[in-house]
Amino acid sequence: MSESKVQANILKWLKAEGHWVFKTVVCNRSGIPDVVGCTTWGQFFAIEVKFGYNKASKLQDWNISEIKKVRGIAFVAYNLETVIKEFSNANVTR
């Protein structure tokens, strides 16, 4: 599997669950997470997708931290299972 396939699986699941979502392709700001959207319950989310041994950069980690500070959902995901878990936890605590 590759990062693009992991990302495709995540996007497919998010859309099937009814969330508004898009993949960032070109952005005028560095470090923006790969997948951005809004949950069905109205909460902003951002997901940095990684594969294998890749890690988030310091700037990506900073952006994730900033999103969390304003009560958005933000995290690094290496697989769909992480996304499902994070969304389940976020939906319970809303």
Protein backbone atom coordinates (compact mmCIF):
# COMPACT_ATOMS: atom_id res chain seq x y z
CA MET A 1 0.00 0.00 0.00
CA SER A 2 1.09 3.62 -0.49
CA GLU A 3 0.28 6.94 1.13
CA SER A 4 -2.03 7.83 -1.76
CA LYS A 5 -3.98 4.57 -1.26
CA VAL A 6 -4.28 5.17 2.49
CA GLN A 7 -5.50 8.68 1.72
CA ALA A 8 -8.02 7.36 -0.84
CA ASN A 9 -9.40 4.88 1.72
CA ILE A 10 -9.73 7.64 4.31
CA LEU A 11 -11.50 9.98 1.87
CA LYS A 12 -13.86 7.21 0.76
CA TRP A 13 -14.82 6.38 4.36
CA LEU A 14 -15.30 10.04 5.35
CA LYS A 15 -17.57 10.66 2.35
CA ALA A 16 -19.54 7.46 3.00
CA GLU A 17 -20.10 8.63 6.58
CA GLY A 18 -21.55 11.91 5.25
CA HIS A 19 -18.75 14.27 6.29
CA TRP A 20 -17.87 17.24 4.06
CA VAL A 21 -14.29 16.62 3.02
CA PHE A 22 -11.61 17.52 0.49
CA LYS A 23 -8.01 16.67 -0.22
CA THR A 24 -5.65 19.63 -0.20
CA VAL A 25 -3.59 19.67 -3.38
CA VAL A 26 -2.06 23.11 -3.68
CA CYS A 27 -2.22 25.57 -0.86
CA ASN A 28 -0.69 28.99 -0.32
CA ARG A 29 0.36 27.95 3.19
CA SER A 30 2.93 25.30 4.05
CA GLY A 31 2.21 22.46 6.45
CA ILE A 32 -1.53 22.27 5.85
CA PRO A 33 -2.85 18.74 6.48
CA ASP A 34 -3.70 16.49 3.52
CA VAL A 35 -7.40 16.02 4.28
CA VAL A 36 -9.64 18.80 5.57
CA GLY A 37 -13.35 18.96 6.22
CA CYS A 38 -16.31 19.31 8.54
CA THR A 39 -17.99 16.48 10.44
CA THR A 40 -21.68 15.70 10.24
CA TRP A 41 -21.96 17.26 13.72
CA GLY A 42 -20.32 20.52 12.59
CA GLN A 43 -16.74 20.19 13.82
CA PHE A 44 -13.73 21.14 11.67
CA PHE A 45 -11.17 18.39 11.09
CA ALA A 46 -7.77 18.04 9.49
CA ILE A 47 -5.81 14.84 8.91
CA GLU A 48 -2.15 14.56 7.98
CA VAL A 49 -1.79 11.24 6.16
CA LYS A 50 1.51 9.37 6.39
CA PHE A 51 2.69 5.94 5.33
CA GLY A 52 5.45 3.63 6.46
CA TYR A 53 8.18 5.34 8.44
CA ASN A 54 7.28 8.88 7.32
CA LYS A 55 6.70 11.37 10.13
CA ALA A 56 4.94 14.72 10.26
CA SER A 57 7.23 17.72 9.90
CA LYS A 58 7.58 20.26 12.71
CA LEU A 59 5.36 22.65 10.73
CA GLN A 60 2.71 19.96 10.22
CA ASP A 61 2.80 19.15 13.95
CA TRP A 62 2.48 22.86 14.73
CA ASN A 63 -0.58 23.19 12.45
CA ILE A 64 -2.19 20.15 14.08
CA SER A 65 -1.56 21.70 17.49
CA GLU A 66 -3.07 25.03 16.41
CA ILE A 67 -6.20 23.31 15.08
CA LYS A 68 -6.62 21.44 18.38
CA LYS A 69 -6.27 24.72 20.30
CA VAL A 70 -9.44 26.00 18.63
CA ARG A 71 -11.24 22.71 19.32
CA GLY A 72 -10.90 21.18 15.88
CA ILE A 73 -10.10 17.54 15.31
CA ALA A 74 -6.54 17.13 14.03
CA PHE A 75 -4.13 14.22 13.95
CA VAL A 76 -1.67 12.17 11.91
CA ALA A 77 -3.09 8.96 10.43
CA TYR A 78 -1.17 6.01 9.03
CA ASN A 79 -4.36 4.04 8.33
CA LEU A 80 -8.14 4.20 8.20
CA GLU A 81 -8.47 2.56 11.62
CA THR A 82 -6.84 5.59 13.26
CA VAL A 83 -9.36 7.89 11.58
CA ILE A 84 -12.33 5.78 12.68
CA LYS A 85 -11.01 5.72 16.27
CA GLU A 86 -10.34 9.49 16.38
CA PHE A 87 -13.77 10.31 14.94
CA SER A 88 -15.48 7.92 17.33
CA ASN A 89 -13.71 9.54 20.29
CA ALA A 90 -14.49 13.07 19.04
CA ASN A 91 -18.17 12.28 18.48
CA VAL A 92 -18.50 10.87 22.01
CA THR A 93 -16.94 13.93 23.64
CA ARG A 94 -18.77 16.60 21.70
